Amino acid sequence: MKMIKMKNLILVLVVLFAFVGCKKEDNETAKKSNGPTTEVFVAGNKVTKYTDVLPSPAGGGGILTHDNAYFFIRIDGRIPGYTGSQNSSSYYPATSGGGTLCSALNNGSVLKNYPYNNLGGYMGMTEYVYDPTGQATQLALVNVPTLDNLLQAHQGAGAPLSQYFTGVDMSKIKFLWYVVKNRPNDWNPHLGATGRWNIDGVLTMDNVMDVRH
């Protein structure tokens, strides 16, 4: 009888230790999986050093202040009726030389005192908020340029972009803005001064809820 009880006790302890070990492993995995699953580019370079990429909390506080921002989109090639062949990883609008365009047509504004995360100057960025569903980023936006203005603003290859949307039901597509980032030391030719907020998004179908899918 004592032998049976001892065997049962050992079995219980083995199961208990296995359970604790699994939970620890799950937690370790969770800690390692907090990197971005959507490609984020700054000046043509892919950002890879997000140490804690989680949506910022909603809200802010105090007197709301705004700042100039410039909006850029990638185009989802799955849009019904879209006839362009633009690379879905390229951002528009761009200059005639393929550079970052800052103009009145892709200009808008963001909240300066939104509770942003901070990269501390990594790759030229300070404040940012990233959310592949667009919910947290949307809370930081104040004025967003129209789709017509963004398509008209493009000066690079394939301009005007509007020519590829003649067969598209425009009521069925939307912007999904997934990252807002501040680059305080970048030259801003539109304003003739340093400092620029960049907002990146995807032009996609209205039933898409996450840029990762």
C-alpha atoms as a PDB file:
ATOM      1  CA  MET A   1       0.000   0.000   0.000  1.00  0.00           C
ATOM      2  CA  LYS A   2       2.817   2.412   0.919  1.00  0.00           C
ATOM      3  CA  MET A   3       4.554   1.579  -2.348  1.00  0.00           C
ATOM      4  CA  ILE A   4       1.399   2.457  -4.342  1.00  0.00           C
ATOM      5  CA  LYS A   5       0.980   5.772  -2.479  1.00  0.00           C
ATOM      6  CA  MET A   6       4.625   6.640  -3.129  1.00  0.00           C
ATOM      7  CA  LYS A   7       4.247   5.895  -6.853  1.00  0.00           C
ATOM      8  CA  ASN A   8       1.116   8.056  -7.014  1.00  0.00           C
ATOM      9  CA  LEU A   9       2.941  10.901  -5.260  1.00  0.00           C
ATOM     10  CA  ILE A  10       5.857  10.697  -7.684  1.00  0.00           C
ATOM     11  CA  LEU A  11       3.439  10.716 -10.636  1.00  0.00           C
ATOM     12  CA  VAL A  12       1.688  13.830  -9.305  1.00  0.00           C
ATOM     13  CA  LEU A  13       5.007  15.626  -8.826  1.00  0.00           C
ATOM     14  CA  VAL A  14       6.162  14.747 -12.369  1.00  0.00           C
ATOM     15  CA  VAL A  15       2.935  16.105 -13.876  1.00  0.00           C
ATOM     16  CA  LEU A  16       3.174  19.255 -11.728  1.00  0.00           C
ATOM     17  CA  PHE A  17       6.764  19.988 -12.761  1.00  0.00           C
ATOM     18  CA  ALA A  18       5.934  19.379 -16.425  1.00  0.00           C
ATOM     19  CA  PHE A  19       3.036  21.839 -16.208  1.00  0.00           C
ATOM     20  CA  VAL A  20       5.190  24.517 -14.565  1.00  0.00           C
ATOM     21  CA  GLY A  21       7.911  23.977 -17.164  1.00  0.00           C
ATOM     22  CA  CYS A  22       5.424  24.402 -20.025  1.00  0.00           C
ATOM     23  CA  LYS A  23       4.047  27.608 -18.540  1.00  0.00           C
ATOM     24  CA  LYS A  24       7.568  29.022 -18.179  1.00  0.00           C
ATOM     25  CA  GLU A  25       8.377  28.091 -21.794  1.00  0.00           C
ATOM     26  CA  ASP A  26       5.135  29.696 -23.006  1.00  0.00           C
ATOM     27  CA  ASN A  27       6.006  32.894 -21.150  1.00  0.00           C
ATOM     28  CA  GLU A  28       9.518  32.920 -22.629  1.00  0.00           C
ATOM     29  CA  THR A  29       8.032  32.515 -26.116  1.00  0.00           C
ATOM     30  CA  ALA A  30       5.579  35.338 -25.511  1.00  0.00           C
ATOM     31  CA  LYS A  31       8.396  37.653 -24.458  1.00  0.00           C
ATOM     32  CA  LYS A  32      10.337  36.911 -27.636  1.00  0.00           C
ATOM     33  CA  SER A  33       7.402  37.437 -30.018  1.00  0.00           C
ATOM     34  CA  ASN A  34       6.835  41.161 -29.487  1.00  0.00           C
ATOM     35  CA  GLY A  35       8.529  42.276 -32.719  1.00  0.00           C
ATOM     36  CA  PRO A  36       6.609  43.808 -35.617  1.00  0.00           C
ATOM     37  CA  THR A  37       4.875  41.437 -38.014  1.00  0.00           C
ATOM     38  CA  THR A  38       4.348  44.197 -40.584  1.00  0.00           C
ATOM     39  CA  GLU A  39       7.304  45.673 -42.422  1.00  0.00           C
ATOM     40  CA  VAL A  40       7.950  49.262 -41.355  1.00  0.00           C
ATOM     41  CA  PHE A  41      10.361  51.325 -43.427  1.00  0.00           C
ATOM     42  CA  VAL A  42      12.125  54.594 -42.621  1.00  0.00           C
ATOM     43  CA  ALA A  43      13.958  56.336 -45.465  1.00  0.00           C
ATOM     44  CA  GLY A  44      14.071  53.046 -47.353  1.00  0.00           C
ATOM     45  CA  ASN A  45      15.430  51.068 -44.392  1.00  0.00           C
ATOM     46  CA  LYS A  46      13.476  48.325 -42.682  1.00  0.00           C
ATOM     47  CA  VAL A  47      12.969  48.937 -38.960  1.00  0.00           C
ATOM     48  CA  THR A  48      13.981  45.862 -36.967  1.00  0.00           C
ATOM     49  CA  LYS A  49      14.712  47.142 -33.457  1.00  0.00           C
ATOM     50  CA  TYR A  50      11.244  47.476 -31.958  1.00  0.00           C
ATOM     51  CA  THR A  51      11.798  46.366 -28.372  1.00  0.00           C
ATOM     52  CA  ASP A  52       8.201  46.633 -27.243  1.00  0.00           C
ATOM     53  CA  VAL A  53       5.842  46.965 -30.184  1.00  0.00           C
ATOM     54  CA  LEU A  54       2.454  47.210 -28.545  1.00  0.00           C
ATOM     55  CA  PRO A  55      -0.386  49.630 -29.307  1.00  0.00           C
ATOM     56  CA  SER A  56      -0.186  52.751 -27.172  1.00  0.00           C
ATOM     57  CA  PRO A  57      -3.106  53.353 -24.804  1.00  0.00           C
ATOM     58  CA  ALA A  58      -5.909  55.599 -25.982  1.00  0.00           C
ATOM     59  CA  GLY A  59      -6.201  59.130 -24.772  1.00  0.00           C
ATOM     60  CA  GLY A  60      -3.666  61.749 -23.835  1.00  0.00           C
ATOM     61  CA  GLY A  61      -4.347  64.547 -21.475  1.00  0.00           C
ATOM     62  CA  GLY A  62      -4.051  68.282 -21.071  1.00  0.00           C
ATOM     63  CA  ILE A  63      -4.519  70.698 -23.956  1.00  0.00           C
ATOM     64  CA  LEU A  64      -4.467  68.848 -27.276  1.00  0.00           C
ATOM     65  CA  THR A  65      -1.803  70.154 -29.639  1.00  0.00           C
ATOM     66  CA  HIS A  66      -1.351  69.249 -33.302  1.00  0.00           C
ATOM     67  CA  ASP A  67       1.626  68.976 -35.629  1.00  0.00           C
ATOM     68  CA  ASN A  68       2.114  68.686 -39.393  1.00  0.00           C
ATOM     69  CA  ALA A  69       2.285  65.152 -40.763  1.00  0.00           C
ATOM     70  CA  TYR A  70       2.735  63.505 -44.159  1.00  0.00           C
ATOM     71  CA  PHE A  71       0.785  60.432 -45.226  1.00  0.00           C
ATOM     72  CA  PHE A  72       2.021  57.552 -47.393  1.00  0.00           C
ATOM     73  CA  ILE A  73       0.243  54.446 -48.649  1.00  0.00           C
ATOM     74  CA  ARG A  74       1.011  51.028 -50.006  1.00  0.00           C
ATOM     75  CA  ILE A  75      -1.540  49.678 -52.478  1.00  0.00           C
ATOM     76  CA  ASP A  76      -3.166  46.297 -51.938  1.00  0.00           C
ATOM     77  CA  GLY A  77      -3.016  44.641 -55.361  1.00  0.00           C
ATOM     78  CA  ARG A  78      -6.084  42.524 -54.490  1.00  0.00           C
ATOM     79  CA  ILE A  79      -8.489  45.473 -54.804  1.00  0.00           C
ATOM     80  CA  PRO A  80     -11.194  44.421 -57.320  1.00  0.00           C
ATOM     81  CA  GLY A  81     -10.903  46.510 -60.490  1.00  0.00           C
ATOM     82  CA  TYR A  82      -7.421  47.869 -59.704  1.00  0.00           C
ATOM     83  CA  THR A  83      -5.301  47.631 -62.867  1.00  0.00           C
ATOM     84  CA  GLY A  84      -1.920  48.872 -61.635  1.00  0.00           C
ATOM     85  CA  SER A  85       1.169  46.734 -61.183  1.00  0.00           C
ATOM     86  CA  GLN A  86       2.816  48.835 -58.476  1.00  0.00           C
ATOM     87  CA  ASN A  87       4.927  46.909 -55.980  1.00  0.00           C
ATOM     88  CA  SER A  88       2.812  46.402 -52.862  1.00  0.00           C
ATOM     89  CA  SER A  89       5.836  47.167 -50.645  1.00  0.00           C
ATOM     90  CA  SER A  90       6.402  50.595 -52.246  1.00  0.00           C
ATOM     91  CA  TYR A  91       5.050  53.768 -50.660  1.00  0.00           C
ATOM     92  CA  TYR A  92       3.161  56.515 -52.473  1.00  0.00           C
ATOM     93  CA  PRO A  93       3.174  59.400 -53.188  1.00  0.00           C
ATOM     94  CA  ALA A  94       6.826  59.758 -54.160  1.00  0.00           C
ATOM     95  CA  THR A  95       8.899  62.381 -55.959  1.00  0.00           C
ATOM     96  CA  SER A  96       9.835  62.017 -59.627  1.00  0.00           C
ATOM     97  CA  GLY A  97      13.132  60.529 -58.450  1.00  0.00           C
ATOM     98  CA  GLY A  98      11.414  58.019 -56.184  1.00  0.00           C
ATOM     99  CA  GLY A  99      12.144  59.887 -52.953  1.00  0.00           C
ATOM    100  CA  THR A 100       9.910  60.820 -50.037  1.00  0.00           C
ATOM    101  CA  LEU A 101       7.397  63.474 -51.065  1.00  0.00           C
ATOM    102  CA  CYS A 102       6.212  66.198 -48.689  1.00  0.00           C
ATOM    103  CA  SER A 103       3.568  68.407 -50.247  1.00  0.00           C
ATOM    104  CA  ALA A 104       0.263  70.095 -49.482  1.00  0.00           C
ATOM    105  CA  LEU A 105      -1.556  67.149 -51.100  1.00  0.00           C
ATOM    106  CA  ASN A 106      -0.296  64.485 -48.702  1.00  0.00           C
ATOM    107  CA  ASN A 107      -0.156  66.798 -45.696  1.00  0.00           C
ATOM    108  CA  GLY A 108      -2.322  66.355 -42.602  1.00  0.00           C
ATOM    109  CA  SER A 109      -1.852  66.527 -38.837  1.00  0.00           C
ATOM    110  CA  VAL A 110      -1.400  64.390 -35.720  1.00  0.00           C
ATOM    111  CA  LEU A 111      -1.792  64.842 -31.981  1.00  0.00           C
ATOM    112  CA  LYS A 112       1.531  65.831 -30.405  1.00  0.00           C
ATOM    113  CA  ASN A 113       0.524  64.790 -26.889  1.00  0.00           C
ATOM    114  CA  TYR A 114      -0.819  61.334 -27.682  1.00  0.00           C
ATOM    115  CA  PRO A 115       0.809  58.724 -25.344  1.00  0.00           C
ATOM    116  CA  TYR A 116       3.379  57.542 -27.888  1.00  0.00           C
ATOM    117  CA  ASN A 117       6.051  54.913 -27.444  1.00  0.00           C
ATOM    118  CA  ASN A 118       9.585  56.256 -27.940  1.00  0.00           C
ATOM    119  CA  LEU A 119      12.509  54.848 -29.938  1.00  0.00           C
ATOM    120  CA  GLY A 120      14.921  57.432 -28.522  1.00  0.00           C
ATOM    121  CA  GLY A 121      16.338  58.473 -31.893  1.00  0.00           C
ATOM    122  CA  TYR A 122      16.893  54.989 -33.355  1.00  0.00           C
ATOM    123  CA  MET A 123      17.042  55.380 -37.160  1.00  0.00           C
ATOM    124  CA  GLY A 124      16.119  59.024 -36.650  1.00  0.00           C
ATOM    125  CA  MET A 125      12.811  58.258 -34.935  1.00  0.00           C
ATOM    126  CA  THR A 126      11.529  59.353 -31.561  1.00  0.00           C
ATOM    127  CA  GLU A 127       7.784  59.058 -30.850  1.00  0.00           C
ATOM    128  CA  TYR A 128       5.812  56.352 -32.603  1.00  0.00           C
ATOM    129  CA  VAL A 129       2.713  54.222 -32.336  1.00  0.00           C
ATOM    130  CA  TYR A 130       2.301  50.960 -34.245  1.00  0.00           C
ATOM    131  CA  ASP A 131      -0.862  48.925 -34.587  1.00  0.00           C
ATOM    132  CA  PRO A 132      -1.514  46.510 -37.502  1.00  0.00           C
ATOM    133  CA  THR A 133      -5.277  46.864 -36.924  1.00  0.00           C
ATOM    134  CA  GLY A 134      -5.090  50.663 -37.196  1.00  0.00           C
ATOM    135  CA  GLN A 135      -7.113  51.248 -34.036  1.00  0.00           C
ATOM    136  CA  ALA A 136      -4.415  52.788 -31.830  1.00  0.00           C
ATOM    137  CA  THR A 137      -2.894  54.761 -34.705  1.00  0.00           C
ATOM    138  CA  GLN A 138      -6.264  56.208 -35.702  1.00  0.00           C
ATOM    139  CA  LEU A 139      -6.539  57.840 -32.269  1.00  0.00           C
ATOM    140  CA  ALA A 140      -3.374  59.859 -32.963  1.00  0.00           C
ATOM    141  CA  LEU A 141      -4.606  61.268 -36.289  1.00  0.00           C
ATOM    142  CA  VAL A 142      -6.315  64.647 -36.596  1.00  0.00           C
ATOM    143  CA  ASN A 143      -6.529  65.550 -40.297  1.00  0.00           C
ATOM    144  CA  VAL A 144      -6.036  62.955 -43.035  1.00  0.00           C
ATOM    145  CA  PRO A 145      -5.648  63.814 -46.753  1.00  0.00           C
ATOM    146  CA  THR A 146      -8.217  62.455 -49.186  1.00  0.00           C
ATOM    147  CA  LEU A 147      -7.498  59.523 -51.477  1.00  0.00           C
ATOM    148  CA  ASP A 148      -7.850  61.818 -54.498  1.00  0.00           C
ATOM    149  CA  ASN A 149      -5.149  64.103 -53.104  1.00  0.00           C
ATOM    150  CA  LEU A 150      -2.768  61.222 -52.372  1.00  0.00           C
ATOM    151  CA  LEU A 151      -3.188  59.764 -55.870  1.00  0.00           C
ATOM    152  CA  GLN A 152      -2.771  63.216 -57.419  1.00  0.00           C
ATOM    153  CA  ALA A 153       0.323  64.008 -55.323  1.00  0.00           C
ATOM    154  CA  HIS A 154       2.390  61.124 -56.716  1.00  0.00           C
ATOM    155  CA  GLN A 155       5.078  62.334 -59.141  1.00  0.00           C
ATOM    156  CA  GLY A 156       7.093  59.154 -59.632  1.00  0.00           C
ATOM    157  CA  ALA A 157       6.763  56.155 -61.950  1.00  0.00           C
ATOM    158  CA  GLY A 158       3.191  55.286 -62.856  1.00  0.00           C
ATOM    159  CA  ALA A 159       1.803  58.757 -62.215  1.00  0.00           C
ATOM    160  CA  PRO A 160      -0.997  59.613 -62.083  1.00  0.00           C
ATOM    161  CA  LEU A 161      -2.051  56.731 -59.858  1.00  0.00           C
ATOM    162  CA  SER A 162      -5.708  57.603 -60.409  1.00  0.00           C
ATOM    163  CA  GLN A 163      -5.572  55.948 -63.854  1.00  0.00           C
ATOM    164  CA  TYR A 164      -5.483  52.511 -62.222  1.00  0.00           C
ATOM    165  CA  PHE A 165      -8.663  53.031 -60.196  1.00  0.00           C
ATOM    166  CA  THR A 166     -11.188  53.835 -62.928  1.00  0.00           C
ATOM    167  CA  GLY A 167     -12.857  50.420 -62.520  1.00  0.00           C
ATOM    168  CA  VAL A 168     -12.746  50.370 -58.709  1.00  0.00           C
ATOM    169  CA  ASP A 169     -15.789  50.846 -56.492  1.00  0.00           C
ATOM    170  CA  MET A 170     -14.234  53.545 -54.305  1.00  0.00           C
ATOM    171  CA  SER A 171     -16.887  53.066 -51.624  1.00  0.00           C
ATOM    172  CA  LYS A 172     -15.442  49.592 -50.956  1.00  0.00           C
ATOM    173  CA  ILE A 173     -11.837  50.623 -50.201  1.00  0.00           C
ATOM    174  CA  LYS A 174     -10.257  52.382 -47.238  1.00  0.00           C
ATOM    175  CA  PHE A 175      -7.019  53.498 -45.612  1.00  0.00           C
ATOM    176  CA  LEU A 176      -5.668  51.349 -42.790  1.00  0.00           C
ATOM    177  CA  TRP A 177      -2.988  53.471 -41.088  1.00  0.00           C
ATOM    178  CA  TYR A 178      -0.664  51.205 -39.098  1.00  0.00           C
ATOM    179  CA  VAL A 179       2.264  53.371 -37.981  1.00  0.00           C
ATOM    180  CA  VAL A 180       2.724  56.997 -36.910  1.00  0.00           C
ATOM    181  CA  LYS A 181       6.344  58.058 -36.420  1.00  0.00           C
ATOM    182  CA  ASN A 182       8.166  61.291 -35.683  1.00  0.00           C
ATOM    183  CA  ARG A 183      11.464  62.111 -37.430  1.00  0.00           C
ATOM    184  CA  PRO A 184      12.412  65.422 -35.816  1.00  0.00           C
ATOM    185  CA  ASN A 185      15.743  65.894 -37.622  1.00  0.00           C
ATOM    186  CA  ASP A 186      14.581  65.171 -41.179  1.00  0.00           C
ATOM    187  CA  TRP A 187      14.513  68.086 -43.587  1.00  0.00           C
ATOM    188  CA  ASN A 188      10.990  69.040 -44.610  1.00  0.00           C
ATOM    189  CA  PRO A 189      11.061  70.756 -48.017  1.00  0.00           C
ATOM    190  CA  HIS A 190       7.360  71.586 -47.831  1.00  0.00           C
ATOM    191  CA  LEU A 191       7.836  73.732 -44.717  1.00  0.00           C
ATOM    192  CA  GLY A 192      11.486  74.651 -45.309  1.00  0.00           C
ATOM    193  CA  ALA A 193      12.516  73.406 -41.859  1.00  0.00           C
ATOM    194  CA  THR A 194      13.554  70.259 -40.020  1.00  0.00           C
ATOM    195  CA  GLY A 195      10.980  67.981 -38.451  1.00  0.00           C
ATOM    196  CA  ARG A 196       8.487  65.606 -40.020  1.00  0.00           C
ATOM    197  CA  TRP A 197       5.841  63.187 -38.828  1.00  0.00           C
ATOM    198  CA  ASN A 198       5.301  60.260 -41.235  1.00  0.00           C
ATOM    199  CA  ILE A 199       2.149  58.150 -41.279  1.00  0.00           C
ATOM    200  CA  ASP A 200       2.226  54.868 -43.220  1.00  0.00           C
ATOM    201  CA  GLY A 201      -0.812  52.881 -44.241  1.00  0.00           C
ATOM    202  CA  VAL A 202      -2.311  50.487 -46.726  1.00  0.00           C
ATOM    203  CA  LEU A 203      -5.044  51.226 -49.240  1.00  0.00           C
ATOM    204  CA  THR A 204      -7.146  48.097 -49.106  1.00  0.00           C
ATOM    205  CA  MET A 205     -10.678  46.678 -49.083  1.00  0.00           C
ATOM    206  CA  ASP A 206     -13.067  47.860 -46.409  1.00  0.00           C
ATOM    207  CA  ASN A 207     -13.372  44.333 -44.923  1.00  0.00           C
ATOM    208  CA  VAL A 208      -9.652  44.083 -44.119  1.00  0.00           C
ATOM    209  CA  MET A 209      -9.124  44.562 -40.390  1.00  0.00           C
ATOM    210  CA  ASP A 210      -5.397  43.821 -40.059  1.00  0.00           C
ATOM    211  CA  VAL A 211      -2.527  44.688 -42.432  1.00  0.00           C
ATOM    212  CA  ARG A 212      -0.886  41.332 -41.679  1.00  0.00           C
ATOM    213  CA  HIS A 213      -3.609  39.456 -43.593  1.00  0.00           C
END
